[in-house]
Amino acid sequence: NEPHKLAVPREEIRKLRAILHNAKTTGLAAQNREGHPHFEAWLRGKIAYVSMIDRPRGEQLRAAFAALK
């Protein structure tokens, strides 16, 4: 029996990757479809959350976010 491994839901990862990918062409503000008041901070927080649970995947997302700046 393998111990349960903590993981971020795949759908959540896909959503973040899609936001970052689409922001390359449309800009970050255009990706705020849910109307978060501080979208950039919300996105940074989500990436930090992923990094806590799955560091390699979080680093990939962080690099994609940094490339937008």
PDB file of N, CA and C in Angstrom:
ATOM      1  N   ASN A   1       0.832  -1.196   0.000  1.00  0.00           N
ATOM      2  CA  ASN A   1       0.000   0.000   0.000  1.00  0.00           C
ATOM      3  C   ASN A   1       0.868   1.248   0.000  1.00  0.00           C
ATOM      4  N   GLU A   2       0.670   2.071  -1.003  1.00  0.00           N
ATOM      5  CA  GLU A   2       1.439   3.316  -1.111  1.00  0.00           C
ATOM      6  C   GLU A   2       0.735   4.417  -0.320  1.00  0.00           C
ATOM      7  N   PRO A   3       1.491   5.208   0.442  1.00  0.00           N
ATOM      8  CA  PRO A   3       0.842   6.297   1.183  1.00  0.00           C
ATOM      9  C   PRO A   3       0.239   7.324   0.223  1.00  0.00           C
ATOM     10  N   HIS A   4      -0.805   7.960   0.669  1.00  0.00           N
ATOM     11  CA  HIS A   4      -1.466   8.972  -0.168  1.00  0.00           C
ATOM     12  C   HIS A   4      -0.520  10.150  -0.378  1.00  0.00           C
ATOM     13  N   LYS A   5      -0.414  10.571  -1.617  1.00  0.00           N
ATOM     14  CA  LYS A   5       0.442  11.699  -1.952  1.00  0.00           C
ATOM     15  C   LYS A   5      -0.437  12.929  -2.169  1.00  0.00           C
ATOM     16  N   LEU A   6      -0.047  14.010  -1.543  1.00  0.00           N
ATOM     17  CA  LEU A   6      -0.777  15.254  -1.701  1.00  0.00           C
ATOM     18  C   LEU A   6      -0.558  15.769  -3.114  1.00  0.00           C
ATOM     19  N   ALA A   7      -1.618  16.208  -3.764  1.00  0.00           N
ATOM     20  CA  ALA A   7      -1.482  16.692  -5.144  1.00  0.00           C
ATOM     21  C   ALA A   7      -2.498  17.802  -5.410  1.00  0.00           C
ATOM     22  N   VAL A   8      -2.133  18.680  -6.326  1.00  0.00           N
ATOM     23  CA  VAL A   8      -3.045  19.724  -6.782  1.00  0.00           C
ATOM     24  C   VAL A   8      -3.889  19.091  -7.893  1.00  0.00           C
ATOM     25  N   PRO A   9      -5.197  19.294  -7.882  1.00  0.00           N
ATOM     26  CA  PRO A   9      -6.031  18.697  -8.933  1.00  0.00           C
ATOM     27  C   PRO A   9      -5.543  19.081 -10.330  1.00  0.00           C
ATOM     28  N   ARG A  10      -5.533  18.114 -11.217  1.00  0.00           N
ATOM     29  CA  ARG A  10      -5.057  18.314 -12.589  1.00  0.00           C
ATOM     30  C   ARG A  10      -5.774  19.482 -13.269  1.00  0.00           C
ATOM     31  N   GLU A  11      -7.082  19.600 -13.019  1.00  0.00           N
ATOM     32  CA  GLU A  11      -7.861  20.679 -13.640  1.00  0.00           C
ATOM     33  C   GLU A  11      -7.348  22.052 -13.211  1.00  0.00           C
ATOM     34  N   GLU A  12      -6.939  22.158 -11.959  1.00  0.00           N
ATOM     35  CA  GLU A  12      -6.395  23.421 -11.438  1.00  0.00           C
ATOM     36  C   GLU A  12      -5.089  23.790 -12.151  1.00  0.00           C
ATOM     37  N   ILE A  13      -4.222  22.800 -12.348  1.00  0.00           N
ATOM     38  CA  ILE A  13      -2.949  23.012 -13.052  1.00  0.00           C
ATOM     39  C   ILE A  13      -3.225  23.441 -14.493  1.00  0.00           C
ATOM     40  N   ARG A  14      -4.150  22.748 -15.137  1.00  0.00           N
ATOM     41  CA  ARG A  14      -4.491  23.083 -16.539  1.00  0.00           C
ATOM     42  C   ARG A  14      -5.001  24.508 -16.650  1.00  0.00           C
ATOM     43  N   LYS A  15      -5.837  24.903 -15.695  1.00  0.00           N
ATOM     44  CA  LYS A  15      -6.402  26.260 -15.711  1.00  0.00           C
ATOM     45  C   LYS A  15      -5.288  27.307 -15.584  1.00  0.00           C
ATOM     46  N   LEU A  16      -4.363  27.086 -14.643  1.00  0.00           N
ATOM     47  CA  LEU A  16      -3.261  28.033 -14.452  1.00  0.00           C
ATOM     48  C   LEU A  16      -2.365  28.087 -15.684  1.00  0.00           C
ATOM     49  N   ARG A  17      -2.045  26.918 -16.246  1.00  0.00           N
ATOM     50  CA  ARG A  17      -1.196  26.893 -17.451  1.00  0.00           C
ATOM     51  C   ARG A  17      -1.876  27.616 -18.607  1.00  0.00           C
ATOM     52  N   ALA A  18      -3.191  27.430 -18.745  1.00  0.00           N
ATOM     53  CA  ALA A  18      -3.936  28.091 -19.822  1.00  0.00           C
ATOM     54  C   ALA A  18      -3.925  29.611 -19.641  1.00  0.00           C
ATOM     55  N   ILE A  19      -4.128  30.066 -18.401  1.00  0.00           N
ATOM     56  CA  ILE A  19      -4.103  31.510 -18.129  1.00  0.00           C
ATOM     57  C   ILE A  19      -2.749  32.085 -18.524  1.00  0.00           C
ATOM     58  N   LEU A  20      -1.669  31.425 -18.090  1.00  0.00           N
ATOM     59  CA  LEU A  20      -0.324  31.930 -18.384  1.00  0.00           C
ATOM     60  C   LEU A  20      -0.018  31.870 -19.878  1.00  0.00           C
ATOM     61  N   HIS A  21      -0.446  30.796 -20.529  1.00  0.00           N
ATOM     62  CA  HIS A  21      -0.192  30.658 -21.966  1.00  0.00           C
ATOM     63  C   HIS A  21      -0.936  31.742 -22.759  1.00  0.00           C
ATOM     64  N   ASN A  22      -2.218  31.918 -22.456  1.00  0.00           N
ATOM     65  CA  ASN A  22      -3.025  32.902 -23.181  1.00  0.00           C
ATOM     66  C   ASN A  22      -2.599  34.337 -22.879  1.00  0.00           C
ATOM     67  N   ALA A  23      -2.064  34.561 -21.685  1.00  0.00           N
ATOM     68  CA  ALA A  23      -1.626  35.908 -21.313  1.00  0.00           C
ATOM     69  C   ALA A  23      -0.458  36.382 -22.167  1.00  0.00           C
ATOM     70  N   LYS A  24       0.270  35.438 -22.776  1.00  0.00           N
ATOM     71  CA  LYS A  24       1.387  35.829 -23.653  1.00  0.00           C
ATOM     72  C   LYS A  24       0.895  36.659 -24.827  1.00  0.00           C
ATOM     73  N   THR A  25      -0.301  36.354 -25.325  1.00  0.00           N
ATOM     74  CA  THR A  25      -0.810  37.083 -26.488  1.00  0.00           C
ATOM     75  C   THR A  25      -1.831  38.155 -26.122  1.00  0.00           C
ATOM     76  N   THR A  26      -2.683  37.884 -25.120  1.00  0.00           N
ATOM     77  CA  THR A  26      -3.765  38.825 -24.819  1.00  0.00           C
ATOM     78  C   THR A  26      -3.473  39.728 -23.637  1.00  0.00           C
ATOM     79  N   GLY A  27      -2.421  39.407 -22.879  1.00  0.00           N
ATOM     80  CA  GLY A  27      -2.127  40.175 -21.672  1.00  0.00           C
ATOM     81  C   GLY A  27      -2.803  39.556 -20.465  1.00  0.00           C
ATOM     82  N   LEU A  28      -2.253  39.827 -19.317  1.00  0.00           N
ATOM     83  CA  LEU A  28      -2.728  39.217 -18.076  1.00  0.00           C
ATOM     84  C   LEU A  28      -4.138  39.682 -17.721  1.00  0.00           C
ATOM     85  N   ALA A  29      -4.425  40.943 -17.875  1.00  0.00           N
ATOM     86  CA  ALA A  29      -5.733  41.489 -17.487  1.00  0.00           C
ATOM     87  C   ALA A  29      -6.867  40.809 -18.247  1.00  0.00           C
ATOM     88  N   ALA A  30      -6.644  40.470 -19.510  1.00  0.00           N
ATOM     89  CA  ALA A  30      -7.679  39.827 -20.322  1.00  0.00           C
ATOM     90  C   ALA A  30      -8.001  38.424 -19.827  1.00  0.00           C
ATOM     91  N   GLN A  31      -7.126  37.834 -19.048  1.00  0.00           N
ATOM     92  CA  GLN A  31      -7.353  36.475 -18.547  1.00  0.00           C
ATOM     93  C   GLN A  31      -8.149  36.447 -17.240  1.00  0.00           C
ATOM     94  N   ASN A  32      -8.445  37.600 -16.693  1.00  0.00           N
ATOM     95  CA  ASN A  32      -9.203  37.681 -15.436  1.00  0.00           C
ATOM     96  C   ASN A  32     -10.692  37.514 -15.724  1.00  0.00           C
ATOM     97  N   ARG A  33     -11.082  36.330 -16.135  1.00  0.00           N
ATOM     98  CA  ARG A  33     -12.468  36.082 -16.540  1.00  0.00           C
ATOM     99  C   ARG A  33     -13.411  35.950 -15.355  1.00  0.00           C
ATOM    100  N   GLU A  34     -12.861  35.638 -14.182  1.00  0.00           N
ATOM    101  CA  GLU A  34     -13.705  35.480 -12.988  1.00  0.00           C
ATOM    102  C   GLU A  34     -13.815  36.778 -12.192  1.00  0.00           C
ATOM    103  N   GLY A  35     -13.152  37.834 -12.663  1.00  0.00           N
ATOM    104  CA  GLY A  35     -13.264  39.145 -12.036  1.00  0.00           C
ATOM    105  C   GLY A  35     -12.609  39.264 -10.672  1.00  0.00           C
ATOM    106  N   HIS A  36     -11.450  38.628 -10.479  1.00  0.00           N
ATOM    107  CA  HIS A  36     -10.727  38.768  -9.202  1.00  0.00           C
ATOM    108  C   HIS A  36     -10.247  40.214  -9.059  1.00  0.00           C
ATOM    109  N   PRO A  37     -10.491  40.842  -7.906  1.00  0.00           N
ATOM    110  CA  PRO A  37     -10.113  42.246  -7.740  1.00  0.00           C
ATOM    111  C   PRO A  37      -8.604  42.486  -7.834  1.00  0.00           C
ATOM    112  N   HIS A  38      -7.803  41.551  -7.356  1.00  0.00           N
ATOM    113  CA  HIS A  38      -6.341  41.676  -7.424  1.00  0.00           C
ATOM    114  C   HIS A  38      -5.822  40.452  -8.151  1.00  0.00           C
ATOM    115  N   PHE A  39      -6.088  40.400  -9.445  1.00  0.00           N
ATOM    116  CA  PHE A  39      -5.841  39.192 -10.239  1.00  0.00           C
ATOM    117  C   PHE A  39      -4.392  38.738 -10.200  1.00  0.00           C
ATOM    118  N   GLU A  40      -3.466  39.667 -10.350  1.00  0.00           N
ATOM    119  CA  GLU A  40      -2.048  39.295 -10.373  1.00  0.00           C
ATOM    120  C   GLU A  40      -1.627  38.671  -9.042  1.00  0.00           C
ATOM    121  N   ALA A  41      -2.070  39.247  -7.942  1.00  0.00           N
ATOM    122  CA  ALA A  41      -1.757  38.701  -6.615  1.00  0.00           C
ATOM    123  C   ALA A  41      -2.423  37.337  -6.430  1.00  0.00           C
ATOM    124  N   TRP A  42      -3.662  37.199  -6.900  1.00  0.00           N
ATOM    125  CA  TRP A  42      -4.373  35.913  -6.828  1.00  0.00           C
ATOM    126  C   TRP A  42      -3.597  34.839  -7.589  1.00  0.00           C
ATOM    127  N   LEU A  43      -3.140  35.196  -8.784  1.00  0.00           N
ATOM    128  CA  LEU A  43      -2.395  34.250  -9.615  1.00  0.00           C
ATOM    129  C   LEU A  43      -1.069  33.872  -8.957  1.00  0.00           C
ATOM    130  N   ARG A  44      -0.367  34.843  -8.404  1.00  0.00           N
ATOM    131  CA  ARG A  44       0.885  34.557  -7.678  1.00  0.00           C
ATOM    132  C   ARG A  44       0.633  33.617  -6.506  1.00  0.00           C
ATOM    133  N   GLY A  45      -0.467  33.823  -5.810  1.00  0.00           N
ATOM    134  CA  GLY A  45      -0.835  32.971  -4.681  1.00  0.00           C
ATOM    135  C   GLY A  45      -1.122  31.548  -5.111  1.00  0.00           C
ATOM    136  N   LYS A  46      -1.827  31.392  -6.213  1.00  0.00           N
ATOM    137  CA  LYS A  46      -2.122  30.055  -6.742  1.00  0.00           C
ATOM    138  C   LYS A  46      -0.836  29.331  -7.121  1.00  0.00           C
ATOM    139  N   ILE A  47       0.086  30.064  -7.749  1.00  0.00           N
ATOM    140  CA  ILE A  47       1.366  29.474  -8.151  1.00  0.00           C
ATOM    141  C   ILE A  47       2.164  29.075  -6.901  1.00  0.00           C
ATOM    142  N   ALA A  48       2.139  29.909  -5.868  1.00  0.00           N
ATOM    143  CA  ALA A  48       2.840  29.593  -4.617  1.00  0.00           C
ATOM    144  C   ALA A  48       2.244  28.341  -3.975  1.00  0.00           C
ATOM    145  N   TYR A  49       0.921  28.212  -4.032  1.00  0.00           N
ATOM    146  CA  TYR A  49       0.235  27.037  -3.493  1.00  0.00           C
ATOM    147  C   TYR A  49       0.695  25.766  -4.218  1.00  0.00           C
ATOM    148  N   VAL A  50       0.737  25.830  -5.540  1.00  0.00           N
ATOM    149  CA  VAL A  50       1.201  24.680  -6.324  1.00  0.00           C
ATOM    150  C   VAL A  50       2.653  24.361  -5.954  1.00  0.00           C
ATOM    151  N   SER A  51       3.476  25.377  -5.791  1.00  0.00           N
ATOM    152  CA  SER A  51       4.893  25.177  -5.446  1.00  0.00           C
ATOM    153  C   SER A  51       5.069  24.468  -4.110  1.00  0.00           C
ATOM    154  N   MET A  52       4.200  24.762  -3.147  1.00  0.00           N
ATOM    155  CA  MET A  52       4.292  24.117  -1.842  1.00  0.00           C
ATOM    156  C   MET A  52       4.060  22.609  -1.951  1.00  0.00           C
ATOM    157  N   ILE A  53       3.146  22.220  -2.834  1.00  0.00           N
ATOM    158  CA  ILE A  53       2.761  20.816  -2.944  1.00  0.00           C
ATOM    159  C   ILE A  53       3.607  20.076  -3.981  1.00  0.00           C
ATOM    160  N   ASP A  54       3.897  20.746  -5.087  1.00  0.00           N
ATOM    161  CA  ASP A  54       4.635  20.111  -6.189  1.00  0.00           C
ATOM    162  C   ASP A  54       5.653  21.130  -6.721  1.00  0.00           C
ATOM    163  N   ARG A  55       6.822  21.155  -6.080  1.00  0.00           N
ATOM    164  CA  ARG A  55       7.827  22.186  -6.394  1.00  0.00           C
ATOM    165  C   ARG A  55       8.190  22.264  -7.882  1.00  0.00           C
ATOM    166  N   PRO A  56       8.519  21.150  -8.555  1.00  0.00           N
ATOM    167  CA  PRO A  56       8.901  21.268  -9.980  1.00  0.00           C
ATOM    168  C   PRO A  56       7.807  21.911 -10.839  1.00  0.00           C
ATOM    169  N   ARG A  57       6.569  21.495 -10.634  1.00  0.00           N
ATOM    170  CA  ARG A  57       5.466  22.071 -11.413  1.00  0.00           C
ATOM    171  C   ARG A  57       5.267  23.537 -11.046  1.00  0.00           C
ATOM    172  N   GLY A  58       5.401  23.856  -9.777  1.00  0.00           N
ATOM    173  CA  GLY A  58       5.269  25.245  -9.331  1.00  0.00           C
ATOM    174  C   GLY A  58       6.338  26.131  -9.942  1.00  0.00           C
ATOM    175  N   GLU A  59       7.563  25.597 -10.035  1.00  0.00           N
ATOM    176  CA  GLU A  59       8.659  26.364 -10.648  1.00  0.00           C
ATOM    177  C   GLU A  59       8.390  26.623 -12.125  1.00  0.00           C
ATOM    178  N   GLN A  60       7.801  25.656 -12.816  1.00  0.00           N
ATOM    179  CA  GLN A  60       7.448  25.849 -14.231  1.00  0.00           C
ATOM    180  C   GLN A  60       6.426  26.979 -14.364  1.00  0.00           C
ATOM    181  N   LEU A  61       5.425  26.958 -13.509  1.00  0.00           N
ATOM    182  CA  LEU A  61       4.411  28.009 -13.558  1.00  0.00           C
ATOM    183  C   LEU A  61       5.010  29.367 -13.194  1.00  0.00           C
ATOM    184  N   ARG A  62       5.881  29.373 -12.191  1.00  0.00           N
ATOM    185  CA  ARG A  62       6.519  30.623 -11.760  1.00  0.00           C
ATOM    186  C   ARG A  62       7.370  31.200 -12.903  1.00  0.00           C
ATOM    187  N   ALA A  63       8.084  30.347 -13.621  1.00  0.00           N
ATOM    188  CA  ALA A  63       8.910  30.797 -14.742  1.00  0.00           C
ATOM    189  C   ALA A  63       8.028  31.370 -15.858  1.00  0.00           C
ATOM    190  N   ALA A  64       6.906  30.723 -16.122  1.00  0.00           N
ATOM    191  CA  ALA A  64       5.990  31.221 -17.156  1.00  0.00           C
ATOM    192  C   ALA A  64       5.420  32.575 -16.745  1.00  0.00           C
ATOM    193  N   PHE A  65       5.108  32.737 -15.457  1.00  0.00           N
ATOM    194  CA  PHE A  65       4.589  34.015 -14.953  1.00  0.00           C
ATOM    195  C   PHE A  65       5.657  35.097 -15.070  1.00  0.00           C
ATOM    196  N   ALA A  66       6.894  34.752 -14.700  1.00  0.00           N
ATOM    197  CA  ALA A  66       7.991  35.728 -14.769  1.00  0.00           C
ATOM    198  C   ALA A  66       8.265  36.153 -16.204  1.00  0.00           C
ATOM    199  N   ALA A  67       8.057  35.246 -17.148  1.00  0.00           N
ATOM    200  CA  ALA A  67       8.298  35.565 -18.567  1.00  0.00           C
ATOM    201  C   ALA A  67       7.299  36.608 -19.083  1.00  0.00           C
ATOM    202  N   LEU A  68       6.173  36.748 -18.400  1.00  0.00           N
ATOM    203  CA  LEU A  68       5.161  37.742 -18.818  1.00  0.00           C
ATOM    204  C   LEU A  68       5.580  39.159 -18.427  1.00  0.00           C
ATOM    205  N   LYS A  69       6.428  39.271 -17.431  1.00  0.00           N
ATOM    206  CA  LYS A  69       6.817  40.578 -16.900  1.00  0.00           C
ATOM    207  C   LYS A  69       7.874  41.246 -17.749  1.00  0.00           C
TER     208      LYS A  69
END
